[in-house]
Protein backbone atom coordinates (compact mmCIF):
# COMPACT_ATOMS: atom_id res chain seq x y z
CA MET A 1 16.45 3.11 -27.22
CA ALA A 2 18.54 0.02 -27.69
CA ASP A 3 21.11 1.54 -25.34
CA ALA A 4 18.42 2.10 -22.74
CA LYS A 5 17.43 -1.55 -22.97
CA LEU A 6 21.05 -2.64 -22.57
CA SER A 7 21.49 -0.33 -19.61
CA GLU A 8 18.47 -1.84 -17.83
CA LYS A 9 19.72 -5.36 -18.47
CA ASP A 10 23.21 -4.40 -17.33
CA ILE A 11 21.79 -3.26 -13.98
CA PHE A 12 20.39 -6.75 -13.47
CA GLU A 13 23.38 -8.68 -14.81
CA LYS A 14 26.70 -6.80 -15.00
CA VAL A 15 26.86 -3.59 -12.99
CA PRO A 16 28.67 -4.05 -9.61
CA VAL A 17 26.18 -5.08 -6.96
CA ARG A 18 26.49 -1.97 -4.81
CA LYS A 19 26.04 0.29 -7.80
CA ALA A 20 23.11 -1.81 -9.05
CA ILE A 21 21.40 -1.58 -5.67
CA LEU A 22 21.85 2.18 -5.65
CA ALA A 23 20.31 2.32 -9.13
CA VAL A 24 17.22 0.29 -8.22
CA ALA A 25 16.77 1.08 -4.52
CA VAL A 26 17.58 4.77 -4.13
CA PRO A 27 14.85 5.98 -6.54
CA THR A 28 12.38 3.66 -4.80
CA VAL A 29 13.33 4.99 -1.37
CA ILE A 30 13.01 8.57 -2.63
CA SER A 31 9.55 7.90 -4.06
CA GLN A 32 8.50 6.21 -0.82
CA LEU A 33 9.64 9.26 1.11
CA ILE A 34 7.77 11.61 -1.21
CA VAL A 35 4.61 9.55 -0.76
CA LEU A 36 5.26 9.73 2.96
CA ILE A 37 5.74 13.50 2.77
CA TYR A 38 2.32 14.02 1.31
CA ASN A 39 0.82 11.66 3.91
CA LEU A 40 2.57 13.66 6.60
CA ALA A 41 1.43 16.86 4.92
CA ASP A 42 -2.18 15.69 5.23
CA THR A 43 -1.74 15.17 8.97
CA TRP A 44 0.24 18.40 9.40
CA PHE A 45 -2.27 20.61 7.62
CA ILE A 46 -5.20 18.93 9.37
CA GLY A 47 -3.34 19.43 12.66
CA GLN A 48 -3.08 23.16 11.92
CA THR A 49 -6.86 23.38 12.24
CA GLY A 50 -6.27 22.81 15.96
CA ASP A 51 -9.09 20.26 16.00
CA PRO A 52 -8.06 16.88 17.53
CA ARG A 53 -11.32 15.38 16.21
CA GLN A 54 -10.18 15.81 12.62
CA VAL A 55 -6.80 14.23 13.36
CA ALA A 56 -8.63 11.42 15.18
CA ALA A 57 -10.90 10.99 12.12
CA VAL A 58 -7.90 10.33 9.86
CA THR A 59 -6.49 7.95 12.47
CA VAL A 60 -9.70 5.93 12.80
CA SER A 61 -10.09 5.80 8.99
CA TYR A 62 -6.59 4.50 8.52
CA PRO A 63 -7.30 0.73 8.74
CA LEU A 64 -9.92 0.97 5.96
CA PHE A 65 -7.70 3.22 3.85
CA LEU A 66 -4.75 0.91 4.50
CA LEU A 67 -6.54 -2.01 2.85
CA LEU A 68 -6.07 -0.30 -0.51
CA GLY A 69 -2.37 -0.97 -0.04
CA GLY A 70 -3.27 -4.65 0.24
CA PHE A 71 -4.65 -4.62 -3.30
CA GLY A 72 -1.60 -2.68 -4.46
CA ASN A 73 0.70 -5.28 -2.92
CA LEU A 74 -1.32 -8.25 -4.16
CA PHE A 75 -1.17 -7.24 -7.80
CA GLY A 76 1.81 -4.89 -7.77
CA ILE A 77 4.38 -6.94 -5.88
CA GLY A 78 2.98 -10.27 -7.10
CA GLY A 79 2.93 -9.07 -10.71
CA GLY A 80 6.22 -7.19 -10.48
CA SER A 81 8.08 -10.18 -9.03
CA MET A 82 6.64 -12.46 -11.72
CA ILE A 83 7.56 -10.02 -14.50
CA SER A 84 11.17 -9.78 -13.29
CA ARG A 85 11.47 -13.57 -13.10
CA LEU A 86 9.99 -13.98 -16.58
CA LEU A 87 12.46 -11.44 -17.95
CA GLY A 88 15.25 -13.38 -16.23
CA ARG A 89 14.00 -16.51 -18.07
CA GLU A 90 13.81 -14.48 -21.31
CA GLU A 91 10.02 -14.84 -21.56
CA ALA A 92 9.22 -11.23 -22.48
CA GLU A 93 5.90 -12.06 -24.16
CA ASN A 94 4.55 -13.75 -21.04
CA ALA A 95 5.79 -10.81 -18.97
CA GLY A 96 3.57 -8.52 -21.06
CA LYS A 97 0.57 -10.78 -20.56
CA ILE A 98 1.11 -10.75 -16.80
CA GLY A 99 1.38 -6.95 -16.80
CA THR A 100 -1.99 -6.56 -18.53
CA PHE A 101 -3.55 -9.20 -16.29
CA VAL A 102 -2.55 -7.52 -13.01
CA ILE A 103 -3.71 -4.08 -14.20
CA TRP A 104 -7.21 -5.29 -15.04
CA SER A 105 -7.45 -7.53 -11.98
CA SER A 106 -6.44 -4.70 -9.64
CA VAL A 107 -9.09 -2.38 -11.12
CA ILE A 108 -11.90 -4.91 -10.71
CA ALA A 109 -10.91 -5.95 -7.17
CA THR A 110 -10.53 -2.35 -5.96
CA LEU A 111 -13.85 -1.32 -7.52
CA LEU A 112 -15.62 -4.01 -5.49
CA TYR A 113 -13.92 -2.83 -2.29
CA SER A 114 -14.81 0.81 -2.99
CA LEU A 115 -18.47 -0.18 -3.42
CA VAL A 116 -18.40 -2.00 -0.08
CA ILE A 117 -17.02 1.10 1.67
CA PHE A 118 -19.63 3.25 -0.07
CA GLY A 119 -22.41 1.03 1.26
CA PHE A 120 -21.08 0.09 4.69
CA GLY A 121 -18.38 2.63 5.56
CA ARG A 122 -20.38 4.21 8.39
CA GLN A 123 -20.95 0.85 10.07
CA ALA A 124 -17.26 -0.04 9.72
CA LEU A 125 -16.25 3.27 11.34
CA SER A 126 -18.63 2.64 14.20
CA VAL A 127 -17.01 -0.75 14.80
CA LEU A 128 -13.63 1.02 14.93
CA GLY A 129 -14.96 3.27 17.68
CA ALA A 130 -15.66 6.49 15.73
CA GLU A 131 -18.56 8.53 17.08
CA GLY A 132 -20.21 11.90 16.59
CA GLU A 133 -18.30 14.54 14.65
CA THR A 134 -15.21 12.35 14.45
CA ARG A 135 -17.18 9.76 12.51
CA GLY A 136 -18.58 12.44 10.20
CA TYR A 137 -15.10 13.68 9.35
CA ALA A 138 -13.92 10.09 8.86
CA GLU A 139 -16.75 9.41 6.38
CA GLN A 140 -15.71 12.44 4.34
CA TYR A 141 -12.11 11.24 4.29
CA LEU A 142 -13.04 7.74 3.15
CA PHE A 143 -15.37 9.01 0.43
CA TRP A 144 -12.60 10.81 -1.48
CA THR A 145 -9.70 8.45 -0.72
CA VAL A 146 -11.43 5.06 -1.06
CA VAL A 147 -14.80 5.39 -2.78
CA VAL A 148 -13.74 7.91 -5.44
CA GLY A 149 -9.96 7.55 -5.43
CA GLY A 150 -9.40 3.89 -4.47
CA ILE A 151 -8.82 2.57 -7.99
CA LEU A 152 -6.42 5.41 -8.74
CA MET A 153 -4.34 4.74 -5.64
CA VAL A 154 -4.05 1.02 -6.35
CA LEU A 155 -3.30 1.59 -10.04
CA ASN A 156 -0.54 3.98 -9.02
CA GLN A 157 1.16 1.19 -7.05
CA VAL A 158 0.59 -1.50 -9.67
CA LEU A 159 1.88 0.56 -12.60
CA ALA A 160 4.94 1.66 -10.62
CA ASN A 161 5.77 -1.98 -9.81
CA ILE A 162 5.42 -3.00 -13.47
CA VAL A 163 7.79 -0.21 -14.54
CA ARG A 164 10.21 -0.98 -11.69
CA ALA A 165 10.23 -4.68 -12.56
CA GLN A 166 11.90 -3.78 -15.87
CA GLY A 167 14.77 -1.99 -14.13
CA LYS A 168 13.26 1.49 -14.60
CA ALA A 169 13.24 2.42 -10.94
CA ARG A 170 13.81 6.12 -11.65
CA THR A 171 10.79 6.36 -13.96
CA ALA A 172 8.58 4.56 -11.44
CA SER A 173 9.76 6.90 -8.72
CA ILE A 174 9.09 10.01 -10.79
CA GLY A 175 5.59 8.76 -11.52
CA ILE A 176 4.80 8.32 -7.85
CA SER A 177 6.59 11.53 -6.84
CA VAL A 178 4.87 13.99 -9.18
CA GLY A 179 1.53 13.25 -7.58
CA GLY A 180 3.01 13.46 -4.10
CA VAL A 181 4.53 16.87 -4.70
CA LEU A 182 1.24 18.13 -6.14
CA ASN A 183 -0.61 16.88 -3.08
CA VAL A 184 1.53 19.00 -0.77
CA PHE A 185 0.51 22.12 -2.69
CA LEU A 186 -3.16 21.17 -2.93
CA ASP A 187 -3.59 20.42 0.80
CA PRO A 188 -3.55 24.03 2.06
CA LEU A 189 -5.63 25.19 -0.91
CA PHE A 190 -8.43 22.73 -0.22
CA ILE A 191 -8.24 22.57 3.59
CA PHE A 192 -7.96 26.30 4.29
CA GLY A 193 -8.56 28.12 1.00
CA LEU A 194 -11.78 26.26 0.18
CA HIS A 195 -12.54 25.52 3.87
CA MET A 196 -13.01 21.80 3.17
CA ASN A 197 -11.12 20.67 6.30
CA VAL A 198 -10.39 16.92 6.35
CA ALA A 199 -12.31 16.36 3.11
CA GLY A 200 -9.89 18.75 1.40
CA ALA A 201 -6.91 16.60 2.39
CA ALA A 202 -8.68 13.53 1.01
CA LEU A 203 -9.55 15.26 -2.26
CA ALA A 204 -5.92 16.40 -2.65
CA THR A 205 -4.79 12.77 -2.26
CA CYS A 206 -7.30 11.66 -4.90
CA ILE A 207 -6.14 14.26 -7.44
CA SER A 208 -2.47 13.48 -6.80
CA ASN A 209 -3.09 9.83 -7.68
CA VAL A 210 -4.82 10.89 -10.91
CA VAL A 211 -1.67 12.77 -11.95
CA SER A 212 0.65 9.87 -11.05
CA VAL A 213 -1.44 7.33 -12.95
CA LEU A 214 -1.57 9.57 -16.02
CA TYR A 215 2.22 10.00 -15.92
CA LEU A 216 2.89 6.26 -15.67
CA PHE A 217 0.36 5.38 -18.36
CA GLY A 218 1.86 8.09 -20.54
CA HIS A 219 5.32 6.59 -20.12
CA MET A 220 4.05 3.13 -21.04
CA ILE A 221 2.36 4.47 -24.18
CA ARG A 222 5.43 6.47 -25.25
CA THR A 223 7.82 3.54 -24.80
CA ARG A 224 5.51 0.71 -25.87
CA LYS A 225 7.54 -0.15 -28.99
CA GLU A 226 10.87 -0.44 -27.17
CA SER A 227 9.66 -1.74 -23.81
CA MET A 228 10.71 -5.18 -22.58
CA VAL A 229 7.15 -5.66 -21.32
CA GLN A 230 4.53 -5.27 -24.05
CA LEU A 231 1.17 -4.42 -22.50
CA THR A 232 -2.12 -4.65 -24.41
CA LEU A 233 -5.47 -2.94 -23.93
CA VAL A 234 -7.34 -6.26 -23.89
CA PRO A 235 -6.13 -9.03 -21.54
CA ARG A 236 -4.58 -12.04 -23.23
CA ARG A 237 -4.70 -15.64 -22.10
CA VAL A 238 -2.29 -16.28 -19.24
CA LYS A 239 -1.10 -19.67 -18.05
CA LEU A 240 -2.85 -20.72 -14.88
CA SER A 241 0.52 -21.59 -13.33
CA TYR A 242 1.72 -18.02 -13.93
CA MET A 243 -1.45 -16.57 -12.43
CA ALA A 244 -0.98 -18.83 -9.43
CA GLU A 245 2.58 -17.54 -9.00
CA VAL A 246 1.37 -13.94 -9.08
CA PHE A 247 -1.15 -14.59 -6.34
CA SER A 248 1.13 -16.86 -4.32
CA VAL A 249 3.76 -14.10 -4.09
CA GLY A 250 1.31 -11.19 -3.93
CA ALA A 251 -0.94 -12.76 -1.29
CA PRO A 252 1.65 -12.67 1.53
CA ALA A 253 2.46 -9.07 0.58
CA ALA A 254 -1.24 -8.22 0.72
CA LEU A 255 -1.55 -10.21 3.92
CA GLN A 256 0.94 -7.88 5.58
CA ILE A 257 -1.39 -4.98 4.87
CA VAL A 258 -4.61 -6.81 5.78
CA LEU A 259 -3.20 -8.08 9.07
CA ALA A 260 -1.75 -4.66 9.82
CA SER A 261 -5.22 -3.21 9.23
CA ILE A 262 -6.83 -5.78 11.52
CA SER A 263 -4.18 -5.17 14.16
CA ASN A 264 -4.65 -1.43 13.85
CA SER A 265 -8.44 -1.83 14.09
CA VAL A 266 -8.15 -3.79 17.32
CA MET A 267 -5.77 -1.19 18.73
CA LEU A 268 -8.14 1.64 17.80
CA ARG A 269 -11.06 -0.20 19.35
CA LEU A 270 -9.12 -0.58 22.58
CA MET A 271 -7.97 3.05 22.37
CA SER A 272 -11.54 4.28 21.81
CA GLY A 273 -12.14 3.98 25.54
CA TYR A 274 -9.56 6.67 26.20
CA VAL A 275 -9.55 10.41 25.46
CA GLU A 276 -9.53 11.74 21.87
CA HIS A 277 -6.18 13.44 22.54
CA ALA A 278 -4.65 9.98 22.95
CA ILE A 279 -6.16 8.79 19.65
CA SER A 280 -4.81 11.90 17.93
CA GLY A 281 -1.40 11.27 19.52
CA LEU A 282 -1.45 7.71 18.22
CA GLY A 283 -2.26 8.95 14.71
CA ILE A 284 0.68 11.34 14.74
CA ALA A 285 2.99 8.69 16.21
CA GLN A 286 2.03 6.34 13.37
CA LYS A 287 2.88 9.05 10.83
CA ILE A 288 6.26 9.72 12.42
CA GLU A 289 7.24 6.05 12.55
CA MET A 290 6.43 5.76 8.86
CA ILE A 291 9.51 7.85 7.99
CA PRO A 292 12.11 5.21 8.91
CA PHE A 293 9.75 2.35 8.07
CA GLN A 294 9.24 3.67 4.54
CA ILE A 295 12.99 4.00 4.01
CA VAL A 296 13.54 0.39 5.01
CA GLN A 297 10.55 -0.82 3.00
CA GLY A 298 11.68 1.21 -0.01
CA LEU A 299 15.09 -0.43 0.15
CA SER A 300 13.65 -3.95 0.25
CA SER A 301 11.05 -3.19 -2.46
CA GLY A 302 13.65 -1.57 -4.68
CA VAL A 303 16.04 -4.50 -4.54
CA LEU A 304 13.28 -7.09 -5.11
CA PRO A 305 13.48 -7.02 -8.97
CA LEU A 306 17.25 -7.51 -8.76
CA ILE A 307 16.76 -10.53 -6.50
CA ALA A 308 13.99 -11.99 -8.69
CA TYR A 309 15.87 -11.53 -11.98
CA ASN A 310 19.12 -13.09 -10.73
CA TYR A 311 17.31 -15.93 -9.02
CA ALA A 312 15.49 -16.80 -12.25
CA SER A 313 18.66 -16.47 -14.36
CA GLY A 314 20.60 -18.71 -11.95
CA ASN A 315 23.09 -16.11 -10.70
CA ARG A 316 22.75 -16.93 -7.01
CA LYS A 317 26.09 -15.36 -6.03
CA ARG A 318 24.93 -11.96 -7.29
CA MET A 319 21.58 -12.42 -5.55
CA ASP A 320 23.34 -13.27 -2.26
CA SER A 321 25.48 -10.14 -2.48
CA ALA A 322 22.46 -7.94 -3.18
CA VAL A 323 20.61 -9.26 -0.13
CA ARG A 324 23.57 -8.90 2.21
CA TYR A 325 24.41 -5.35 1.13
CA SER A 326 20.79 -4.23 1.30
CA LEU A 327 20.36 -5.74 4.75
CA ALA A 328 23.46 -3.96 6.08
CA ALA A 329 22.39 -0.63 4.58
CA GLY A 330 18.88 -0.95 6.00
CA LEU A 331 20.20 -1.83 9.45
CA ALA A 332 22.46 1.23 9.49
CA VAL A 333 19.58 3.51 8.47
CA SER A 334 17.17 2.01 11.00
CA VAL A 335 19.62 2.41 13.92
CA ILE A 336 20.33 6.04 13.02
CA MET A 337 16.64 6.85 12.62
CA PHE A 338 15.85 5.08 15.89
CA ALA A 339 18.28 7.33 17.74
CA VAL A 340 16.90 10.47 16.08
CA VAL A 341 13.29 9.62 16.91
CA GLU A 342 14.00 8.70 20.52
CA LEU A 343 15.86 11.96 21.14
CA SER A 344 13.44 14.31 19.39
CA ALA A 345 9.97 12.75 19.80
CA PRO A 346 8.24 15.75 21.47
CA TRP A 347 9.51 18.19 18.83
CA LEU A 348 8.43 15.86 16.03
CA VAL A 349 4.91 15.61 17.43
CA ARG A 350 4.76 19.38 18.05
CA PHE A 351 5.49 19.88 14.37
CA PHE A 352 2.06 18.42 13.58
CA ILE A 353 -0.11 19.92 16.30
CA SER A 354 0.25 22.44 19.13
CA ASP A 355 -2.24 20.79 21.49
CA ALA A 356 -0.29 20.06 24.71
CA ALA A 357 -2.16 16.87 25.65
CA THR A 358 -1.79 15.40 22.16
CA ILE A 359 1.96 16.20 22.20
CA GLU A 360 2.40 14.41 25.52
CA TYR A 361 0.64 11.27 24.35
CA GLY A 362 2.17 11.33 20.86
CA ALA A 363 5.76 11.66 22.11
CA ALA A 364 5.39 8.71 24.50
CA PHE A 365 3.73 6.55 21.84
CA THR A 366 6.36 7.43 19.23
CA ARG A 367 9.27 6.44 21.47
CA MET A 368 7.68 3.12 22.32
CA ARG A 369 6.62 2.10 18.81
CA CYS A 370 9.98 2.97 17.20
CA LEU A 371 11.71 0.33 19.34
CA ALA A 372 10.71 -2.03 16.52
CA LEU A 373 12.90 -0.34 13.89
CA PRO A 374 16.09 -2.48 13.85
CA PHE A 375 14.10 -5.71 13.77
CA ILE A 376 11.60 -4.72 11.09
CA ASN A 377 14.48 -4.10 8.70
CA ILE A 378 15.48 -7.76 8.95
CA GLU A 379 11.93 -8.97 8.43
CA PHE A 380 11.26 -6.73 5.43
CA MET A 381 14.42 -7.92 3.70
CA LEU A 382 13.62 -11.59 4.34
CA ILE A 383 10.12 -11.10 2.98
CA ALA A 384 11.56 -9.37 -0.11
CA VAL A 385 13.85 -12.36 -0.72
CA PHE A 386 10.94 -14.76 -0.54
CA GLN A 387 8.81 -12.59 -2.81
CA GLY A 388 11.67 -12.36 -5.30
CA ILE A 389 12.24 -16.08 -5.58
CA GLY A 390 8.55 -17.02 -5.51
CA GLY A 391 8.75 -18.46 -2.01
CA ALA A 392 5.10 -17.91 -1.17
CA LYS A 393 5.02 -20.32 1.77
CA GLN A 394 7.98 -18.70 3.50
CA ALA A 395 6.73 -15.16 2.94
CA PHE A 396 3.29 -16.19 4.21
CA ILE A 397 4.70 -17.71 7.42
CA LEU A 398 6.82 -14.70 8.26
CA SER A 399 4.05 -12.21 7.36
CA PHE A 400 1.47 -14.09 9.39
CA PHE A 401 3.79 -14.43 12.37
CA ARG A 402 4.39 -10.66 12.50
CA LYS A 403 0.70 -9.84 12.77
CA GLY A 404 -2.41 -11.93 13.10
CA ILE A 405 -1.54 -14.75 15.52
CA PHE A 406 -0.07 -13.49 18.77
CA ASP A 407 -0.34 -9.73 18.58
CA LEU A 408 -4.14 -9.49 18.95
CA PRO A 409 -4.43 -11.35 22.29
CA LEU A 410 -1.16 -9.75 23.37
CA MET A 411 -2.68 -6.28 22.82
CA MET A 412 -5.60 -7.11 25.08
CA PHE A 413 -3.26 -8.50 27.74
CA ALA A 414 -0.88 -5.53 27.47
CA ASP A 415 -3.75 -3.06 27.73
CA PHE A 416 -4.89 -4.82 30.90
CA LEU A 417 -1.42 -4.73 32.45
CA TRP A 418 -0.58 -1.16 31.44
CA PRO A 419 -3.67 0.62 30.11
CA MET A 420 -3.13 2.38 26.77
CA TYR A 421 0.69 2.50 26.97
CA GLY A 422 1.02 -1.29 26.96
CA LEU A 423 -0.60 -1.33 23.51
CA MET A 424 2.35 0.62 22.08
CA LEU A 425 4.86 -2.06 23.10
CA VAL A 426 3.13 -4.94 21.34
CA ALA A 427 4.50 -4.13 17.86
CA PRO A 428 8.16 -3.85 19.02
CA VAL A 429 7.84 -7.16 20.88
CA MET A 430 6.41 -8.93 17.83
CA GLU A 431 9.03 -7.49 15.45
CA PHE A 432 11.79 -8.52 17.85
CA LEU A 433 10.44 -12.07 18.07
CA GLY A 434 9.99 -12.33 14.29
CA GLY A 435 13.50 -11.09 13.53
CA SER A 436 15.07 -13.20 16.29
CA LEU A 437 13.37 -16.40 15.16
CA ALA A 438 14.09 -15.93 11.47
CA VAL A 439 17.72 -14.85 11.45
CA PRO A 440 19.94 -17.14 13.56
CA LYS A 441 20.03 -20.08 11.14
CA THR A 442 19.51 -18.10 7.98
CA ASP A 443 22.25 -17.63 5.38
CA PHE A 444 20.79 -14.68 3.46
CA GLY A 445 20.28 -15.54 -0.16
CA ARG A 446 20.36 -19.28 0.70
CA PRO A 447 18.46 -19.56 3.97
CA GLN A 448 18.56 -22.94 5.62
CA ASN A 449 15.86 -24.21 7.94
CA THR A 450 15.21 -21.69 10.69
CA CYS A 451 13.33 -21.73 13.93
CA ILE A 452 10.13 -21.05 12.04
CA ASN A 453 10.94 -23.48 9.22
CA LEU A 454 11.75 -20.94 6.51
CA HIS A 455 13.42 -22.70 3.62
CA LEU A 456 14.23 -21.39 0.19
CA PRO A 457 13.70 -23.80 -2.71
CA GLU A 458 16.65 -24.24 -5.06
CA GLN A 459 14.43 -23.99 -8.12
CA MET A 460 10.96 -22.71 -8.78
């Protein structure tokens, strides 16, 4: 196992940058895609029922389900970034304390959220515009994914980030992927075989997260003696400054999810005045756009430990190279995927559902929303840099600018100017503005002051 340790450290310190990025980013991208596949499988199998109300139910539940990702980001990215920096400073003992701390904190926080959804989920769905049978289906979906399975989903993300922070990207990806593959097989069994409809898709997601969490915990137990990060069953005392760093980095990452949920909620509320076919089309468009988005996000998440470790160890040249190469790779992928989606939108939507009206709406929405692709790549990579170096202020500014300030009133204005379709153009406009404002005066790896005052500290 000593060789395995050396290999992980070599990835951070010695392996050529391009090869190191492939080692840490490719497994992360693959796991993101597998997670996406089972999310798409949920929508596809539900779409095969031919019932737009069930597809609409998943769509209207999405903002509440999405908030689980906020907890995963808060403790997973915040803790993972801190662990990588502590390893770069050769503080392995403190890294173990942080790992235990974020696991327990994520469980407690998610439990509280699950209880809130259990008590007030119906009211929240009503606020989002769900009515009648659509709301009933949405309640079933939330029960299994959030109330019962919320802790498991968040733990899956947190454990994967802890493992990835040590340079074990492949192991983290396998842990996430095994559950995803299982979900694809369970969906048809529960939805059609047991006639559970949308509740079957939710139950399949819950069980898949159980399997992933068991795999990752099993890995940690098997390798506990050789691991660079020594976790304990009982939390140990952690320095307040370290806890503050976890939350300062994790909070902007969580903020992205929370603001995305709020933005999505407002959009759904505005869309609720239109036909259910349009809401179903929006849900499918959101699933389709996740394919390129997840690739870009996987690339930035995968390279984050490499950035954090080299920043903490003082190797800024290697950090700069990692950021530049990752940015170029992400831009190439986003442009290719943009072209594919624009050319094949109707066929992609038809893959999920055969309803003609839903296909028409979904294809138009998909083409509009995917205009954001090239710009979101730039923003994700900048945010990853800030998360890696502990630049909480910078990550917060960029995250908050993307969603939460201008997009909400802009949605209302756009819906007034061009009912329904104008809503789809708000996200591309905001991503374009965010990328355009952040990049011009930014030297990646050592950003100078930019139009939105992003500035990387030399030391943390």
